[in-house]
Amino acid sequence: MTGSRAPSQDTHSQDIDHVASVLVACLPALHRGLERRIAREFPHPRLPDGQLALLFLVEEREGVTVRETAEALLMKPNNVSALVSQLTDLGLLERRQDTADKRVAHLYPTPLARERLAEARLLKQAYMARALRTLTDGDLDALGAALGALVSLPPRLHSPAG
C-alpha cells in the first residue's frame, strides 16, 4: 500500500491503467485493419485523414462554419480553410455564404460526398459485422455493454479535464 491509499484504490488505478493500455493498442489496430480492407475494395481514391475527418464532421453537423470545424477538429482555421478548398475542388463539399455575415461560410456535403461516405461506412460496418460474428456470445455481450462507455470517451479526451 502506498501512503494513505487503500488497496482498492491501487487496484482500481491498475485496472484503469490496464484498460487504457489495451484501448491505446487495440483501437488504432482496429482502425488500420478496417482502412486496409476499405483501401482494397473502395472503388474511389482514398482521401487524406484530415479531409475525411472534415467530411464526416460536416456530414454530422451540416451548416457548421470553418471556425467551428477548426475547433471541433483541433485544427487552425487556415488549415481547415485549405481542406475546405481542396474538398470543394473535388466536388465533395459546398461552401455557402452566411446571409448575415458575408465573411462566414457554412459547410455542407455534396450529394457525391454523401454517397461515398455512405458507401465507405457500409463497407466498414460489413467488415466489422463479419469479425464480430466470429466472437463468442460472452464477448459480444461484453462489447455491447461497453459501447456506451466507449462512445462517451472521445469528448472526454478533447475536454480540458480529459
N, C-alpha and C. Protein backbone atom coordinates (compact mmCIF):
# COMPACT_ATOMS: atom_id res chain seq x y z
N MET A 1 0.86 -1.17 0.00
CA MET A 1 0.00 0.00 0.00
C MET A 1 0.90 1.23 0.00
N THR A 2 0.53 2.23 -0.79
CA THR A 2 1.33 3.44 -0.89
C THR A 2 0.65 4.57 -0.15
N GLY A 3 1.35 5.21 0.78
CA GLY A 3 0.82 6.37 1.50
C GLY A 3 -0.50 6.04 2.16
N SER A 4 -1.50 6.89 1.96
CA SER A 4 -2.78 6.71 2.60
C SER A 4 -3.80 6.05 1.67
N ARG A 5 -3.36 5.58 0.54
CA ARG A 5 -4.29 4.95 -0.40
C ARG A 5 -4.70 3.57 0.10
N ALA A 6 -5.96 3.28 -0.06
CA ALA A 6 -6.47 1.96 0.29
C ALA A 6 -6.12 1.00 -0.84
N PRO A 7 -6.03 -0.30 -0.53
CA PRO A 7 -5.70 -1.27 -1.58
C PRO A 7 -6.67 -1.23 -2.75
N SER A 8 -7.95 -0.99 -2.50
CA SER A 8 -8.91 -0.97 -3.60
C SER A 8 -8.64 0.19 -4.56
N GLN A 9 -8.13 1.31 -4.04
CA GLN A 9 -7.79 2.44 -4.92
C GLN A 9 -6.59 2.07 -5.80
N ASP A 10 -5.60 1.39 -5.23
CA ASP A 10 -4.45 0.95 -6.02
C ASP A 10 -4.89 -0.02 -7.12
N THR A 11 -5.75 -0.96 -6.76
CA THR A 11 -6.25 -1.93 -7.72
C THR A 11 -7.05 -1.23 -8.80
N HIS A 12 -7.88 -0.28 -8.41
CA HIS A 12 -8.69 0.48 -9.38
C HIS A 12 -7.78 1.24 -10.35
N SER A 13 -6.73 1.87 -9.84
CA SER A 13 -5.79 2.59 -10.71
C SER A 13 -5.09 1.64 -11.66
N GLN A 14 -4.71 0.46 -11.17
CA GLN A 14 -4.06 -0.52 -12.03
C GLN A 14 -5.03 -1.00 -13.12
N ASP A 15 -6.30 -1.20 -12.74
CA ASP A 15 -7.31 -1.61 -13.71
C ASP A 15 -7.47 -0.54 -14.79
N ILE A 16 -7.56 0.72 -14.37
CA ILE A 16 -7.71 1.82 -15.34
C ILE A 16 -6.49 1.89 -16.25
N ASP A 17 -5.31 1.76 -15.68
CA ASP A 17 -4.08 1.78 -16.49
C ASP A 17 -4.08 0.64 -17.50
N HIS A 18 -4.52 -0.54 -17.07
CA HIS A 18 -4.56 -1.69 -17.97
C HIS A 18 -5.56 -1.45 -19.11
N VAL A 19 -6.78 -1.00 -18.77
CA VAL A 19 -7.80 -0.72 -19.79
C VAL A 19 -7.29 0.34 -20.76
N ALA A 20 -6.68 1.39 -20.23
CA ALA A 20 -6.14 2.45 -21.09
C ALA A 20 -5.08 1.89 -22.03
N SER A 21 -4.21 1.07 -21.53
CA SER A 21 -3.14 0.48 -22.34
C SER A 21 -3.70 -0.39 -23.45
N VAL A 22 -4.69 -1.21 -23.12
CA VAL A 22 -5.28 -2.09 -24.13
C VAL A 22 -6.03 -1.27 -25.18
N LEU A 23 -6.79 -0.25 -24.76
CA LEU A 23 -7.51 0.58 -25.73
C LEU A 23 -6.55 1.32 -26.65
N VAL A 24 -5.47 1.86 -26.10
CA VAL A 24 -4.49 2.59 -26.91
C VAL A 24 -3.86 1.68 -27.95
N ALA A 25 -3.67 0.41 -27.62
CA ALA A 25 -3.09 -0.54 -28.57
C ALA A 25 -4.14 -1.07 -29.55
N CYS A 26 -5.33 -1.34 -29.06
CA CYS A 26 -6.35 -2.03 -29.85
C CYS A 26 -7.09 -1.12 -30.84
N LEU A 27 -7.48 0.07 -30.40
CA LEU A 27 -8.31 0.92 -31.26
C LEU A 27 -7.60 1.31 -32.56
N PRO A 28 -6.34 1.72 -32.51
CA PRO A 28 -5.66 2.02 -33.79
C PRO A 28 -5.53 0.78 -34.68
N ALA A 29 -5.34 -0.39 -34.06
CA ALA A 29 -5.23 -1.61 -34.85
C ALA A 29 -6.56 -1.92 -35.55
N LEU A 30 -7.67 -1.71 -34.85
CA LEU A 30 -8.99 -1.88 -35.47
C LEU A 30 -9.15 -0.90 -36.64
N HIS A 31 -8.80 0.34 -36.40
CA HIS A 31 -8.91 1.38 -37.43
C HIS A 31 -8.06 1.02 -38.65
N ARG A 32 -6.81 0.64 -38.42
CA ARG A 32 -5.92 0.28 -39.53
C ARG A 32 -6.45 -0.93 -40.30
N GLY A 33 -6.95 -1.91 -39.58
CA GLY A 33 -7.49 -3.09 -40.23
C GLY A 33 -8.67 -2.76 -41.13
N LEU A 34 -9.56 -1.92 -40.64
CA LEU A 34 -10.70 -1.50 -41.46
C LEU A 34 -10.24 -0.69 -42.66
N GLU A 35 -9.32 0.24 -42.42
CA GLU A 35 -8.83 1.09 -43.51
C GLU A 35 -8.15 0.26 -44.60
N ARG A 36 -7.41 -0.77 -44.21
CA ARG A 36 -6.74 -1.61 -45.21
C ARG A 36 -7.75 -2.37 -46.05
N ARG A 37 -8.80 -2.88 -45.39
CA ARG A 37 -9.85 -3.59 -46.13
C ARG A 37 -10.56 -2.63 -47.09
N ILE A 38 -10.86 -1.44 -46.63
CA ILE A 38 -11.54 -0.45 -47.46
C ILE A 38 -10.65 -0.07 -48.64
N ALA A 39 -9.36 0.12 -48.39
CA ALA A 39 -8.44 0.53 -49.46
C ALA A 39 -8.44 -0.48 -50.61
N ARG A 40 -8.63 -1.75 -50.27
CA ARG A 40 -8.63 -2.79 -51.32
C ARG A 40 -9.92 -2.80 -52.12
N GLU A 41 -11.03 -2.45 -51.49
CA GLU A 41 -12.32 -2.65 -52.15
C GLU A 41 -13.07 -1.36 -52.49
N PHE A 42 -12.69 -0.24 -51.89
CA PHE A 42 -13.39 1.01 -52.16
C PHE A 42 -12.97 1.49 -53.55
N PRO A 43 -13.93 1.70 -54.45
CA PRO A 43 -13.58 1.99 -55.84
C PRO A 43 -13.18 3.44 -56.12
N HIS A 44 -13.06 4.26 -55.09
CA HIS A 44 -12.73 5.67 -55.27
C HIS A 44 -11.38 5.97 -54.61
N PRO A 45 -10.71 7.04 -55.05
CA PRO A 45 -9.43 7.40 -54.41
C PRO A 45 -9.62 7.69 -52.92
N ARG A 46 -8.68 7.25 -52.13
CA ARG A 46 -8.74 7.48 -50.68
C ARG A 46 -8.32 8.91 -50.39
N LEU A 47 -9.11 9.58 -49.56
CA LEU A 47 -8.79 10.95 -49.15
C LEU A 47 -7.86 10.92 -47.96
N PRO A 48 -7.02 11.93 -47.81
CA PRO A 48 -6.18 12.04 -46.61
C PRO A 48 -7.06 12.13 -45.35
N ASP A 49 -6.49 11.72 -44.22
CA ASP A 49 -7.24 11.67 -42.96
C ASP A 49 -7.89 13.00 -42.60
N GLY A 50 -7.19 14.11 -42.80
CA GLY A 50 -7.75 15.42 -42.46
C GLY A 50 -8.99 15.73 -43.27
N GLN A 51 -8.96 15.42 -44.55
CA GLN A 51 -10.12 15.65 -45.40
C GLN A 51 -11.28 14.75 -44.98
N LEU A 52 -10.98 13.49 -44.67
CA LEU A 52 -12.02 12.58 -44.23
C LEU A 52 -12.66 13.04 -42.93
N ALA A 53 -11.84 13.46 -41.98
CA ALA A 53 -12.36 13.92 -40.70
C ALA A 53 -13.28 15.13 -40.91
N LEU A 54 -12.86 16.03 -41.78
CA LEU A 54 -13.68 17.20 -42.06
C LEU A 54 -15.01 16.80 -42.71
N LEU A 55 -14.96 15.89 -43.68
CA LEU A 55 -16.20 15.47 -44.34
C LEU A 55 -17.16 14.78 -43.37
N PHE A 56 -16.63 13.91 -42.52
CA PHE A 56 -17.50 13.24 -41.55
C PHE A 56 -18.12 14.25 -40.59
N LEU A 57 -17.35 15.24 -40.17
CA LEU A 57 -17.88 16.26 -39.26
C LEU A 57 -18.97 17.08 -39.95
N VAL A 58 -18.72 17.49 -41.18
CA VAL A 58 -19.71 18.30 -41.90
C VAL A 58 -20.97 17.48 -42.17
N GLU A 59 -20.82 16.20 -42.43
CA GLU A 59 -21.99 15.35 -42.62
C GLU A 59 -22.81 15.28 -41.32
N GLU A 60 -22.11 15.19 -40.21
CA GLU A 60 -22.78 15.09 -38.91
C GLU A 60 -23.39 16.42 -38.48
N ARG A 61 -22.72 17.53 -38.80
CA ARG A 61 -23.16 18.86 -38.35
C ARG A 61 -23.29 19.80 -39.54
N GLU A 62 -24.23 19.50 -40.41
CA GLU A 62 -24.42 20.31 -41.62
C GLU A 62 -24.59 21.79 -41.27
N GLY A 63 -23.93 22.62 -42.07
CA GLY A 63 -24.01 24.06 -41.85
C GLY A 63 -22.97 24.59 -40.88
N VAL A 64 -22.11 23.72 -40.40
CA VAL A 64 -21.05 24.13 -39.49
C VAL A 64 -20.15 25.15 -40.20
N THR A 65 -19.58 26.07 -39.44
CA THR A 65 -18.69 27.07 -40.04
C THR A 65 -17.25 26.55 -40.02
N VAL A 66 -16.39 27.25 -40.73
CA VAL A 66 -14.98 26.89 -40.75
C VAL A 66 -14.41 26.99 -39.34
N ARG A 67 -14.73 28.05 -38.63
CA ARG A 67 -14.22 28.23 -37.27
C ARG A 67 -14.69 27.10 -36.35
N GLU A 68 -15.96 26.75 -36.42
CA GLU A 68 -16.50 25.66 -35.60
C GLU A 68 -15.84 24.33 -35.96
N THR A 69 -15.59 24.14 -37.24
CA THR A 69 -14.91 22.93 -37.70
C THR A 69 -13.50 22.87 -37.16
N ALA A 70 -12.80 23.98 -37.21
CA ALA A 70 -11.43 24.03 -36.68
C ALA A 70 -11.42 23.68 -35.19
N GLU A 71 -12.35 24.23 -34.44
CA GLU A 71 -12.43 23.94 -33.01
C GLU A 71 -12.71 22.46 -32.77
N ALA A 72 -13.67 21.91 -33.51
CA ALA A 72 -14.06 20.50 -33.32
C ALA A 72 -12.93 19.54 -33.70
N LEU A 73 -12.17 19.89 -34.73
CA LEU A 73 -11.09 19.02 -35.20
C LEU A 73 -9.73 19.36 -34.58
N LEU A 74 -9.73 20.34 -33.69
CA LEU A 74 -8.49 20.79 -33.04
C LEU A 74 -7.45 21.19 -34.08
N MET A 75 -7.89 21.99 -35.05
CA MET A 75 -7.01 22.47 -36.12
C MET A 75 -7.07 23.99 -36.18
N LYS A 76 -6.12 24.57 -36.87
CA LYS A 76 -6.13 26.01 -37.10
C LYS A 76 -7.12 26.33 -38.22
N PRO A 77 -7.85 27.45 -38.09
CA PRO A 77 -8.83 27.80 -39.13
C PRO A 77 -8.23 27.88 -40.54
N ASN A 78 -7.01 28.38 -40.68
CA ASN A 78 -6.42 28.47 -42.03
C ASN A 78 -6.17 27.08 -42.61
N ASN A 79 -5.84 26.10 -41.77
CA ASN A 79 -5.65 24.73 -42.27
C ASN A 79 -6.99 24.13 -42.70
N VAL A 80 -8.04 24.41 -41.93
CA VAL A 80 -9.38 23.94 -42.29
C VAL A 80 -9.81 24.60 -43.60
N SER A 81 -9.54 25.88 -43.75
CA SER A 81 -9.88 26.58 -45.00
C SER A 81 -9.22 25.93 -46.20
N ALA A 82 -7.97 25.52 -46.03
CA ALA A 82 -7.26 24.84 -47.13
C ALA A 82 -7.94 23.50 -47.45
N LEU A 83 -8.31 22.75 -46.43
CA LEU A 83 -9.00 21.48 -46.65
C LEU A 83 -10.36 21.71 -47.33
N VAL A 84 -11.06 22.74 -46.90
CA VAL A 84 -12.36 23.07 -47.49
C VAL A 84 -12.18 23.37 -48.97
N SER A 85 -11.17 24.14 -49.31
CA SER A 85 -10.91 24.45 -50.73
C SER A 85 -10.62 23.18 -51.53
N GLN A 86 -9.81 22.29 -50.97
CA GLN A 86 -9.48 21.04 -51.66
C GLN A 86 -10.73 20.20 -51.89
N LEU A 87 -11.55 20.07 -50.84
CA LEU A 87 -12.76 19.25 -50.95
C LEU A 87 -13.80 19.89 -51.87
N THR A 88 -13.84 21.21 -51.89
CA THR A 88 -14.74 21.91 -52.81
C THR A 88 -14.30 21.66 -54.25
N ASP A 89 -13.00 21.73 -54.50
CA ASP A 89 -12.47 21.47 -55.84
C ASP A 89 -12.76 20.03 -56.30
N LEU A 90 -12.82 19.10 -55.33
CA LEU A 90 -13.10 17.70 -55.66
C LEU A 90 -14.61 17.43 -55.82
N GLY A 91 -15.42 18.45 -55.56
CA GLY A 91 -16.87 18.29 -55.68
C GLY A 91 -17.49 17.56 -54.50
N LEU A 92 -16.81 17.58 -53.35
CA LEU A 92 -17.30 16.85 -52.18
C LEU A 92 -17.87 17.75 -51.10
N LEU A 93 -17.62 19.04 -51.22
CA LEU A 93 -18.05 19.97 -50.18
C LEU A 93 -18.61 21.23 -50.83
N GLU A 94 -19.64 21.76 -50.22
CA GLU A 94 -20.24 23.00 -50.68
C GLU A 94 -20.09 24.04 -49.59
N ARG A 95 -19.66 25.22 -50.00
CA ARG A 95 -19.48 26.34 -49.08
C ARG A 95 -20.57 27.37 -49.40
N ARG A 96 -21.40 27.68 -48.37
CA ARG A 96 -22.47 28.67 -48.57
C ARG A 96 -22.22 29.86 -47.66
N GLN A 97 -22.29 31.02 -48.25
CA GLN A 97 -22.05 32.26 -47.50
C GLN A 97 -23.19 32.53 -46.53
N ASP A 98 -22.84 32.98 -45.33
CA ASP A 98 -23.82 33.35 -44.32
C ASP A 98 -24.58 34.58 -44.80
N THR A 99 -25.88 34.58 -44.62
CA THR A 99 -26.68 35.72 -45.11
C THR A 99 -26.45 36.97 -44.28
N ALA A 100 -26.15 36.79 -43.00
CA ALA A 100 -25.97 37.96 -42.12
C ALA A 100 -24.53 38.46 -42.12
N ASP A 101 -23.57 37.56 -42.27
CA ASP A 101 -22.15 37.95 -42.21
C ASP A 101 -21.43 37.30 -43.38
N LYS A 102 -21.14 38.08 -44.39
CA LYS A 102 -20.55 37.58 -45.63
C LYS A 102 -19.15 36.96 -45.44
N ARG A 103 -18.52 37.22 -44.30
CA ARG A 103 -17.20 36.64 -44.04
C ARG A 103 -17.28 35.19 -43.58
N VAL A 104 -18.49 34.77 -43.18
CA VAL A 104 -18.68 33.43 -42.62
C VAL A 104 -19.24 32.50 -43.70
N ALA A 105 -18.67 31.31 -43.77
CA ALA A 105 -19.15 30.30 -44.71
C ALA A 105 -19.66 29.09 -43.92
N HIS A 106 -20.78 28.55 -44.36
CA HIS A 106 -21.34 27.34 -43.78
C HIS A 106 -21.04 26.19 -44.73
N LEU A 107 -20.72 25.03 -44.17
CA LEU A 107 -20.25 23.91 -44.96
C LEU A 107 -21.31 22.81 -45.04
N TYR A 108 -21.43 22.23 -46.25
CA TYR A 108 -22.41 21.17 -46.50
C TYR A 108 -21.78 20.11 -47.39
N PRO A 109 -22.04 18.84 -47.11
CA PRO A 109 -21.55 17.79 -48.03
C PRO A 109 -22.37 17.80 -49.31
N THR A 110 -21.74 17.52 -50.41
CA THR A 110 -22.46 17.42 -51.68
C THR A 110 -23.11 16.03 -51.76
N PRO A 111 -24.03 15.84 -52.70
CA PRO A 111 -24.60 14.50 -52.87
C PRO A 111 -23.52 13.44 -53.15
N LEU A 112 -22.49 13.81 -53.90
CA LEU A 112 -21.39 12.88 -54.16
C LEU A 112 -20.69 12.48 -52.86
N ALA A 113 -20.44 13.44 -52.00
CA ALA A 113 -19.80 13.14 -50.72
C ALA A 113 -20.68 12.23 -49.87
N ARG A 114 -21.96 12.53 -49.82
CA ARG A 114 -22.89 11.69 -49.04
C ARG A 114 -22.87 10.25 -49.55
N GLU A 115 -22.87 10.11 -50.86
CA GLU A 115 -22.86 8.78 -51.48
C GLU A 115 -21.58 8.02 -51.10
N ARG A 116 -20.44 8.68 -51.22
CA ARG A 116 -19.17 8.00 -50.94
C ARG A 116 -18.99 7.71 -49.45
N LEU A 117 -19.41 8.63 -48.60
CA LEU A 117 -19.33 8.39 -47.16
C LEU A 117 -20.22 7.22 -46.77
N ALA A 118 -21.41 7.17 -47.33
CA ALA A 118 -22.33 6.05 -47.03
C ALA A 118 -21.74 4.73 -47.53
N GLU A 119 -21.15 4.76 -48.71
CA GLU A 119 -20.55 3.55 -49.28
C GLU A 119 -19.40 3.05 -48.39
N ALA A 120 -18.54 3.96 -47.96
CA ALA A 120 -17.43 3.59 -47.09
C ALA A 120 -17.93 3.07 -45.74
N ARG A 121 -18.94 3.75 -45.20
CA ARG A 121 -19.50 3.34 -43.91
C ARG A 121 -20.09 1.93 -43.99
N LEU A 122 -20.81 1.65 -45.08
CA LEU A 122 -21.41 0.32 -45.24
C LEU A 122 -20.34 -0.76 -45.36
N LEU A 123 -19.27 -0.47 -46.09
CA LEU A 123 -18.18 -1.44 -46.19
C LEU A 123 -17.55 -1.70 -44.81
N LYS A 124 -17.28 -0.63 -44.07
CA LYS A 124 -16.68 -0.79 -42.74
C LYS A 124 -17.60 -1.59 -41.82
N GLN A 125 -18.89 -1.26 -41.85
CA GLN A 125 -19.84 -1.98 -41.00
C GLN A 125 -19.90 -3.45 -41.37
N ALA A 126 -19.85 -3.75 -42.65
CA ALA A 126 -19.89 -5.15 -43.09
C ALA A 126 -18.66 -5.91 -42.60
N TYR A 127 -17.49 -5.29 -42.72
CA TYR A 127 -16.27 -5.95 -42.23
C TYR A 127 -16.30 -6.15 -40.72
N MET A 128 -16.77 -5.14 -40.01
CA MET A 128 -16.84 -5.24 -38.55
C MET A 128 -17.85 -6.32 -38.16
N ALA A 129 -19.00 -6.35 -38.82
CA ALA A 129 -20.01 -7.36 -38.51
C ALA A 129 -19.46 -8.76 -38.76
N ARG A 130 -18.71 -8.91 -39.84
CA ARG A 130 -18.11 -10.21 -40.15
C ARG A 130 -17.15 -10.63 -39.03
N ALA A 131 -16.34 -9.70 -38.55
CA ALA A 131 -15.40 -10.01 -37.46
C ALA A 131 -16.16 -10.31 -36.16
N LEU A 132 -17.21 -9.53 -35.89
CA LEU A 132 -17.99 -9.74 -34.66
C LEU A 132 -18.66 -11.11 -34.64
N ARG A 133 -19.06 -11.59 -35.81
CA ARG A 133 -19.71 -12.91 -35.88
C ARG A 133 -18.78 -14.04 -35.47
N THR A 134 -17.49 -13.79 -35.43
CA THR A 134 -16.54 -14.83 -35.03
C THR A 134 -16.35 -14.89 -33.51
N LEU A 135 -16.91 -13.93 -32.78
CA LEU A 135 -16.75 -13.86 -31.33
C LEU A 135 -17.77 -14.75 -30.63
N THR A 136 -17.47 -15.07 -29.39
CA THR A 136 -18.42 -15.83 -28.57
C THR A 136 -19.55 -14.91 -28.13
N ASP A 137 -20.64 -15.52 -27.70
CA ASP A 137 -21.76 -14.73 -27.18
C ASP A 137 -21.32 -13.88 -25.99
N GLY A 138 -20.47 -14.42 -25.16
CA GLY A 138 -19.98 -13.68 -24.00
C GLY A 138 -19.17 -12.45 -24.41
N ASP A 139 -18.32 -12.63 -25.41
CA ASP A 139 -17.53 -11.49 -25.90
C ASP A 139 -18.43 -10.43 -26.52
N LEU A 140 -19.44 -10.87 -27.28
CA LEU A 140 -20.38 -9.93 -27.88
C LEU A 140 -21.15 -9.17 -26.81
N ASP A 141 -21.58 -9.88 -25.76
CA ASP A 141 -22.29 -9.22 -24.66
C ASP A 141 -21.40 -8.18 -23.98
N ALA A 142 -20.14 -8.55 -23.76
CA ALA A 142 -19.20 -7.62 -23.11
C ALA A 142 -18.97 -6.38 -23.97
N LEU A 143 -18.79 -6.57 -25.27
CA LEU A 143 -18.62 -5.42 -26.15
C LEU A 143 -19.87 -4.56 -26.19
N GLY A 144 -21.01 -5.20 -26.27
CA GLY A 144 -22.27 -4.45 -26.27
C GLY A 144 -22.44 -3.63 -25.01
N ALA A 145 -22.06 -4.20 -23.87
CA ALA A 145 -22.18 -3.48 -22.59
C ALA A 145 -21.21 -2.31 -22.52
N ALA A 146 -20.11 -2.38 -23.25
CA ALA A 146 -19.09 -1.34 -23.20
C ALA A 146 -19.32 -0.21 -24.20
N LEU A 147 -20.26 -0.37 -25.13
CA LEU A 147 -20.43 0.63 -26.19
C LEU A 147 -20.73 2.02 -25.66
N GLY A 148 -21.60 2.13 -24.68
CA GLY A 148 -21.93 3.45 -24.13
C GLY A 148 -20.70 4.15 -23.58
N ALA A 149 -19.89 3.40 -22.84
CA ALA A 149 -18.68 3.98 -22.27
C ALA A 149 -17.69 4.38 -23.38
N LEU A 150 -17.55 3.54 -24.39
CA LEU A 150 -16.63 3.86 -25.49
C LEU A 150 -17.07 5.11 -26.23
N VAL A 151 -18.36 5.24 -26.49
CA VAL A 151 -18.88 6.40 -27.20
C VAL A 151 -18.68 7.68 -26.39
N SER A 152 -18.67 7.55 -25.07
CA SER A 152 -18.51 8.74 -24.22
C SER A 152 -17.05 9.20 -24.10
N LEU A 153 -16.10 8.40 -24.54
CA LEU A 153 -14.69 8.75 -24.37
C LEU A 153 -14.19 9.89 -25.26
N PRO A 154 -14.49 9.93 -26.56
CA PRO A 154 -13.91 11.00 -27.39
C PRO A 154 -14.13 12.42 -26.86
N PRO A 155 -15.34 12.78 -26.45
CA PRO A 155 -15.49 14.15 -25.93
C PRO A 155 -14.65 14.39 -24.66
N ARG A 156 -14.46 13.36 -23.89
CA ARG A 156 -13.67 13.49 -22.66
C ARG A 156 -12.19 13.69 -22.97
N LEU A 157 -11.74 13.12 -24.06
CA LEU A 157 -10.34 13.31 -24.47
C LEU A 157 -10.10 14.73 -24.97
N HIS A 158 -11.13 15.34 -25.54
CA HIS A 158 -11.00 16.70 -26.09
C HIS A 158 -11.27 17.79 -25.07
N SER A 159 -11.84 17.42 -23.93
CA SER A 159 -12.15 18.44 -22.92
C SER A 159 -10.90 18.78 -22.12
N PRO A 160 -10.84 19.98 -21.53
CA PRO A 160 -9.66 20.37 -20.75
C PRO A 160 -9.36 19.41 -19.60
N ALA A 161 -10.39 18.80 -19.03
CA ALA A 161 -10.18 17.88 -17.91
C ALA A 161 -9.71 16.52 -18.38
N GLY A 162 -9.84 16.23 -19.71
CA GLY A 162 -9.53 14.90 -20.25
C GLY A 162 -8.10 14.61 -20.38
